[in-house]
Amino acid sequence: MKLTLTLFLIIISAPIYAARGLPDDCPTQKTQRPIREHIGRPIPWLISLDPDTFHNNEFKTTPTGIIIDTSWKNAVYDFALKNVQHPSWGINHSERNYQLTKILAEKEKVEIDTDILFAASFLHDLGGLKNFEILGVDHAVRSAELAEKLLKDAGFPMEKWPVVKEIILGHTYYTGIPTNKVAQLFRDADVLDFLGTIGVARILAITQEEGTSDSTLKPTIDILKSFSKSMGSKCISEACKEMAKPRQLELVKFLQLLNKETFEGKAL
């Protein structure tokens, strides 16, 4: 009996020890389970992960390698795939904000809870999207209202909700600076995504939207001109300021070439 029990323990422990030391995120579409130390409590992925979220000892990942290693992440990501759809504020923007925040955190030597980052990233702009926005309510406030119930229903560890809420409410460049360091870095990531080539693409994508449409490129180009002068100054962290410099130059160069190719802006 003792020999049988020993062999059983060795067999079930082997995958855990084999996976130690793997990074939290991997650029491939499938990755082995990340292992964390758990003393005196069950290992969460043994009890919370839906059976269809892994295959052959591997987890699903997003296109940029964000690991979906719990049932609540699977539910939130599935919701985002179906509902957070927009060329400027949609799910791809969410992915970039997640990855940029991690890059900034590494440069600033700030520890990040990836559960909190995941929840905030994929829901922070929800309140500004069609079918979810409310006229007269700032999209960050609306996003926080929606996210709280969505996360609770999905099984998110709600003791972490206050930080998620602070990140969502503080992510916009035009509001007061949040006090939480991770919230500041997430806001910086959002700022960076308004600059550079991606910033140009995002703003031009709203040319025909209400409030920016006059059948020309002028309204959106005016936004880009404003961003080229002021957006870099919205950075909080030194890491953001450094990353913003080349992106701001890209934006300025684009505007210069555009001006030349539209006969000094007369044919936008």
Protein backbone atom coordinates (compact mmCIF):
# COMPACT_ATOMS: atom_id res chain seq x y z
CA MET A 1 0.00 0.00 0.00
CA LYS A 2 2.80 2.44 0.90
CA LEU A 3 4.60 1.70 -2.38
CA THR A 4 1.41 2.30 -4.37
CA LEU A 5 0.75 5.62 -2.61
CA THR A 6 4.35 6.75 -3.16
CA LEU A 7 4.19 5.99 -6.89
CA PHE A 8 0.88 7.86 -7.15
CA LEU A 9 2.33 10.96 -5.47
CA ILE A 10 5.38 10.88 -7.77
CA ILE A 11 3.18 10.64 -10.87
CA ILE A 12 0.90 13.56 -9.99
CA SER A 13 3.83 15.72 -8.81
CA ALA A 14 5.98 15.28 -11.92
CA PRO A 15 4.23 17.90 -14.14
CA ILE A 16 4.43 20.47 -11.32
CA TYR A 17 8.18 20.17 -10.84
CA ALA A 18 8.78 19.98 -14.58
CA ALA A 19 7.01 23.31 -15.12
CA ARG A 20 8.79 25.29 -12.38
CA GLY A 21 10.63 28.39 -13.56
CA LEU A 22 8.49 29.03 -16.64
CA PRO A 23 7.59 32.70 -17.30
CA ASP A 24 4.10 34.03 -16.65
CA ASP A 25 3.65 34.97 -20.31
CA CYS A 26 4.85 33.19 -23.43
CA PRO A 27 4.73 34.42 -27.06
CA THR A 28 3.39 31.13 -28.35
CA GLN A 29 -0.30 30.28 -28.67
CA LYS A 30 0.00 27.38 -26.20
CA THR A 31 2.13 27.21 -23.09
CA GLN A 32 2.66 24.96 -20.10
CA ARG A 33 1.06 25.74 -16.75
CA PRO A 34 2.77 28.50 -14.74
CA ILE A 35 3.54 27.25 -11.25
CA ARG A 36 3.52 29.40 -8.14
CA GLU A 37 4.27 28.52 -4.55
CA HIS A 38 1.17 27.63 -2.52
CA ILE A 39 1.74 26.80 1.13
CA GLY A 40 -1.13 25.39 3.16
CA ARG A 41 -3.83 25.92 0.51
CA PRO A 42 -5.03 24.22 -2.70
CA ILE A 43 -3.39 25.11 -6.01
CA PRO A 44 -6.02 27.31 -7.76
CA TRP A 45 -5.63 25.85 -11.24
CA LEU A 46 -6.51 22.41 -9.87
CA ILE A 47 -9.88 23.61 -8.65
CA SER A 48 -10.94 26.65 -10.72
CA LEU A 49 -9.96 25.99 -14.32
CA ASP A 50 -12.64 24.82 -16.73
CA PRO A 51 -11.71 21.51 -18.41
CA ASP A 52 -11.87 23.03 -21.90
CA THR A 53 -9.31 25.78 -21.16
CA PHE A 54 -6.33 23.46 -21.45
CA HIS A 55 -5.20 20.60 -23.66
CA ASN A 56 -2.28 18.27 -23.24
CA ASN A 57 -1.07 20.09 -20.12
CA GLU A 58 -1.22 23.48 -21.88
CA PHE A 59 -3.18 26.71 -21.39
CA LYS A 60 -4.82 28.94 -23.98
CA THR A 61 -3.14 32.26 -24.66
CA THR A 62 -4.17 35.46 -26.40
CA PRO A 63 -2.47 36.50 -29.68
CA THR A 64 0.29 38.36 -27.80
CA GLY A 65 0.88 35.53 -25.33
CA ILE A 66 -1.25 36.53 -22.33
CA ILE A 67 -2.01 33.31 -20.46
CA ILE A 68 -5.65 32.42 -19.77
CA ASP A 69 -5.08 30.16 -16.78
CA THR A 70 -8.33 30.42 -14.79
CA SER A 71 -12.02 30.01 -15.53
CA TRP A 72 -12.77 33.68 -14.78
CA LYS A 73 -10.12 34.85 -17.25
CA ASN A 74 -11.61 32.53 -19.84
CA ALA A 75 -15.05 34.05 -19.21
CA VAL A 76 -13.78 37.66 -19.34
CA TYR A 77 -11.73 37.07 -22.48
CA ASP A 78 -14.65 35.32 -24.19
CA PHE A 79 -16.86 38.30 -23.30
CA ALA A 80 -14.24 40.72 -24.66
CA LEU A 81 -13.92 38.78 -27.92
CA LYS A 82 -17.65 39.16 -28.46
CA ASN A 83 -18.23 42.66 -27.11
CA VAL A 84 -15.03 44.73 -26.88
CA GLN A 85 -14.87 45.34 -30.61
CA HIS A 86 -13.63 48.64 -32.04
CA PRO A 87 -10.60 49.54 -34.20
CA SER A 88 -9.46 52.17 -31.69
CA TRP A 89 -10.76 51.11 -28.28
CA GLY A 90 -11.30 47.38 -28.75
CA ILE A 91 -9.69 44.14 -27.64
CA ASN A 92 -6.42 44.73 -29.51
CA HIS A 93 -5.98 48.01 -27.66
CA SER A 94 -6.59 46.03 -24.46
CA GLU A 95 -3.79 43.62 -25.38
CA ARG A 96 -1.38 46.44 -26.10
CA ASN A 97 -2.19 48.15 -22.80
CA TYR A 98 -1.57 44.89 -20.92
CA GLN A 99 1.81 44.32 -22.57
CA LEU A 100 2.89 47.96 -22.37
CA THR A 101 2.04 48.07 -18.66
CA LYS A 102 4.21 45.00 -18.07
CA ILE A 103 7.09 46.58 -20.01
CA LEU A 104 6.79 49.81 -18.01
CA ALA A 105 6.58 47.87 -14.74
CA GLU A 106 9.76 45.98 -15.56
CA LYS A 107 11.59 49.21 -16.34
CA GLU A 108 10.26 50.86 -13.17
CA LYS A 109 10.81 47.69 -11.08
CA VAL A 110 7.17 47.58 -9.99
CA GLU A 111 5.54 44.26 -9.14
CA ILE A 112 2.24 43.59 -10.91
CA ASP A 113 -0.59 41.23 -10.03
CA THR A 114 -1.47 39.86 -13.47
CA ASP A 115 -5.01 38.98 -12.33
CA ILE A 116 -5.63 42.67 -11.68
CA LEU A 117 -3.92 43.72 -14.91
CA PHE A 118 -5.91 41.22 -16.97
CA ALA A 119 -9.26 42.31 -15.53
CA ALA A 120 -8.53 46.02 -15.98
CA SER A 121 -7.04 45.68 -19.46
CA PHE A 122 -9.92 43.89 -21.12
CA LEU A 123 -12.71 45.94 -19.51
CA HIS A 124 -11.32 49.47 -19.09
CA ASP A 125 -12.92 50.93 -22.24
CA LEU A 126 -16.12 48.87 -22.26
CA GLY A 127 -18.26 51.78 -21.09
CA GLY A 128 -17.37 53.83 -24.16
CA LEU A 129 -18.49 51.24 -26.69
CA LYS A 130 -21.82 51.07 -28.50
CA ASN A 131 -24.49 49.17 -26.54
CA PHE A 132 -22.69 49.90 -23.25
CA GLU A 133 -22.16 53.69 -23.14
CA ILE A 134 -24.53 56.09 -21.39
CA LEU A 135 -24.84 59.65 -22.64
CA GLY A 136 -23.29 62.10 -20.18
CA VAL A 137 -21.40 59.41 -18.21
CA ASP A 138 -17.62 59.28 -18.65
CA HIS A 139 -16.63 56.01 -20.25
CA ALA A 140 -14.22 55.15 -17.42
CA VAL A 141 -16.97 55.52 -14.81
CA ARG A 142 -19.34 53.45 -16.92
CA SER A 143 -16.65 50.82 -17.49
CA ALA A 144 -16.09 50.44 -13.75
CA GLU A 145 -19.83 50.02 -13.17
CA LEU A 146 -20.05 47.28 -15.78
CA ALA A 147 -16.79 45.57 -14.85
CA GLU A 148 -17.68 45.02 -11.20
CA LYS A 149 -20.69 42.82 -11.98
CA LEU A 150 -19.00 41.07 -14.92
CA LEU A 151 -16.00 40.12 -12.81
CA LYS A 152 -18.08 39.02 -9.84
CA ASP A 153 -20.24 36.80 -12.06
CA ALA A 154 -17.13 35.36 -13.73
CA GLY A 155 -15.62 34.32 -10.38
CA PHE A 156 -12.90 36.96 -10.15
CA PRO A 157 -11.29 37.20 -6.67
CA MET A 158 -13.20 40.33 -5.63
CA GLU A 159 -10.77 41.23 -2.84
CA LYS A 160 -8.66 42.53 -5.74
CA TRP A 161 -11.49 44.62 -7.18
CA PRO A 162 -10.56 47.96 -5.50
CA VAL A 163 -7.27 48.11 -7.43
CA VAL A 164 -8.97 47.10 -10.69
CA LYS A 165 -11.50 49.87 -10.12
CA GLU A 166 -8.77 52.43 -9.47
CA ILE A 167 -6.97 51.41 -12.67
CA ILE A 168 -10.13 51.71 -14.76
CA LEU A 169 -11.21 55.04 -13.27
CA GLY A 170 -7.70 56.49 -13.53
CA HIS A 171 -6.67 55.30 -17.00
CA THR A 172 -7.65 58.42 -18.97
CA TYR A 173 -5.02 61.10 -19.65
CA TYR A 174 -7.47 63.93 -18.93
CA THR A 175 -8.42 62.96 -15.36
CA GLY A 176 -6.57 63.19 -12.05
CA ILE A 177 -3.52 60.98 -11.56
CA PRO A 178 -4.31 57.81 -9.57
CA THR A 179 -2.32 57.10 -6.41
CA ASN A 180 -1.72 53.39 -7.05
CA LYS A 181 1.59 52.81 -8.88
CA VAL A 182 0.21 50.09 -11.16
CA ALA A 183 -2.74 52.34 -12.03
CA GLN A 184 -0.24 55.06 -12.97
CA LEU A 185 1.65 52.66 -15.23
CA PHE A 186 -1.57 51.50 -16.89
CA ARG A 187 -2.48 55.11 -17.54
CA ASP A 188 1.00 55.62 -19.03
CA ALA A 189 0.44 52.60 -21.29
CA ASP A 190 -2.82 54.16 -22.48
CA VAL A 191 -0.97 57.39 -23.23
CA LEU A 192 1.70 55.58 -25.26
CA ASP A 193 -0.97 53.92 -27.38
CA PHE A 194 -2.07 57.39 -28.53
CA LEU A 195 1.40 58.10 -29.92
CA GLY A 196 3.51 56.75 -32.76
CA THR A 197 2.27 54.88 -35.81
CA ILE A 198 -0.36 53.02 -33.80
CA GLY A 199 -1.65 56.33 -32.45
CA VAL A 200 -2.09 57.61 -36.01
CA ALA A 201 -3.92 54.44 -37.04
CA ARG A 202 -6.24 54.58 -34.03
CA ILE A 203 -7.27 58.20 -34.50
CA LEU A 204 -7.74 57.91 -38.26
CA ALA A 205 -10.00 54.93 -37.56
CA ILE A 206 -12.59 57.28 -35.99
CA THR A 207 -12.78 59.66 -38.96
CA GLN A 208 -16.43 58.81 -39.65
CA GLU A 209 -17.59 58.66 -36.04
CA GLU A 210 -20.01 61.18 -34.58
CA GLY A 211 -18.18 64.26 -33.38
CA THR A 212 -15.20 63.77 -35.68
CA SER A 213 -16.92 63.57 -39.07
CA ASP A 214 -17.17 66.46 -41.51
CA SER A 215 -16.43 64.31 -44.61
CA THR A 216 -12.73 65.25 -44.46
CA LEU A 217 -9.64 64.20 -42.53
CA LYS A 218 -9.35 67.59 -40.83
CA PRO A 219 -11.03 66.77 -37.45
CA THR A 220 -8.91 63.69 -36.82
CA ILE A 221 -5.72 65.38 -38.04
CA ASP A 222 -6.43 68.23 -35.61
CA ILE A 223 -6.56 65.62 -32.82
CA LEU A 224 -3.22 64.19 -33.94
CA LYS A 225 -1.68 67.66 -34.04
CA SER A 226 -2.81 68.23 -30.47
CA PHE A 227 -1.42 64.86 -29.39
CA SER A 228 1.92 65.56 -31.07
CA LYS A 229 2.34 68.63 -28.88
CA SER A 230 0.94 67.49 -25.54
CA MET A 231 0.43 63.73 -25.20
CA GLY A 232 4.04 62.94 -24.27
CA SER A 233 3.77 65.32 -21.33
CA LYS A 234 0.95 63.20 -19.90
CA CYS A 235 3.42 60.45 -18.95
CA ILE A 236 3.87 59.92 -15.22
CA SER A 237 6.78 57.46 -15.07
CA GLU A 238 10.27 58.08 -16.39
CA ALA A 239 9.98 54.86 -18.40
CA CYS A 240 6.92 56.23 -20.18
CA LYS A 241 8.66 59.52 -20.93
CA GLU A 242 11.54 57.67 -22.57
CA MET A 243 9.26 55.40 -24.59
CA ALA A 244 7.14 58.37 -25.64
CA LYS A 245 10.03 60.27 -27.28
CA PRO A 246 10.44 58.13 -30.43
CA ARG A 247 6.68 57.68 -30.71
CA GLN A 248 6.16 61.42 -30.58
CA LEU A 249 8.79 61.90 -33.30
CA GLU A 250 6.97 59.33 -35.46
CA LEU A 251 3.76 61.31 -35.06
CA VAL A 252 5.44 64.61 -35.86
CA LYS A 253 7.10 63.11 -38.96
CA PHE A 254 3.76 61.74 -40.16
CA LEU A 255 2.12 65.16 -39.81
CA GLN A 256 4.97 66.85 -41.67
CA LEU A 257 4.72 64.43 -44.60
CA LEU A 258 0.94 64.66 -44.62
CA ASN A 259 1.11 68.43 -44.75
CA LYS A 260 3.50 68.26 -47.72
CA GLU A 261 1.40 65.69 -49.60
CA THR A 262 -1.86 67.61 -49.10
CA PHE A 263 -0.49 70.90 -50.46
CA GLU A 264 0.15 72.46 -47.06
CA GLY A 265 -2.98 70.89 -45.63
CA LYS A 266 -5.28 72.54 -48.15
CA ALA A 267 -6.47 69.22 -49.60
CA LEU A 268 -7.08 67.09 -46.52
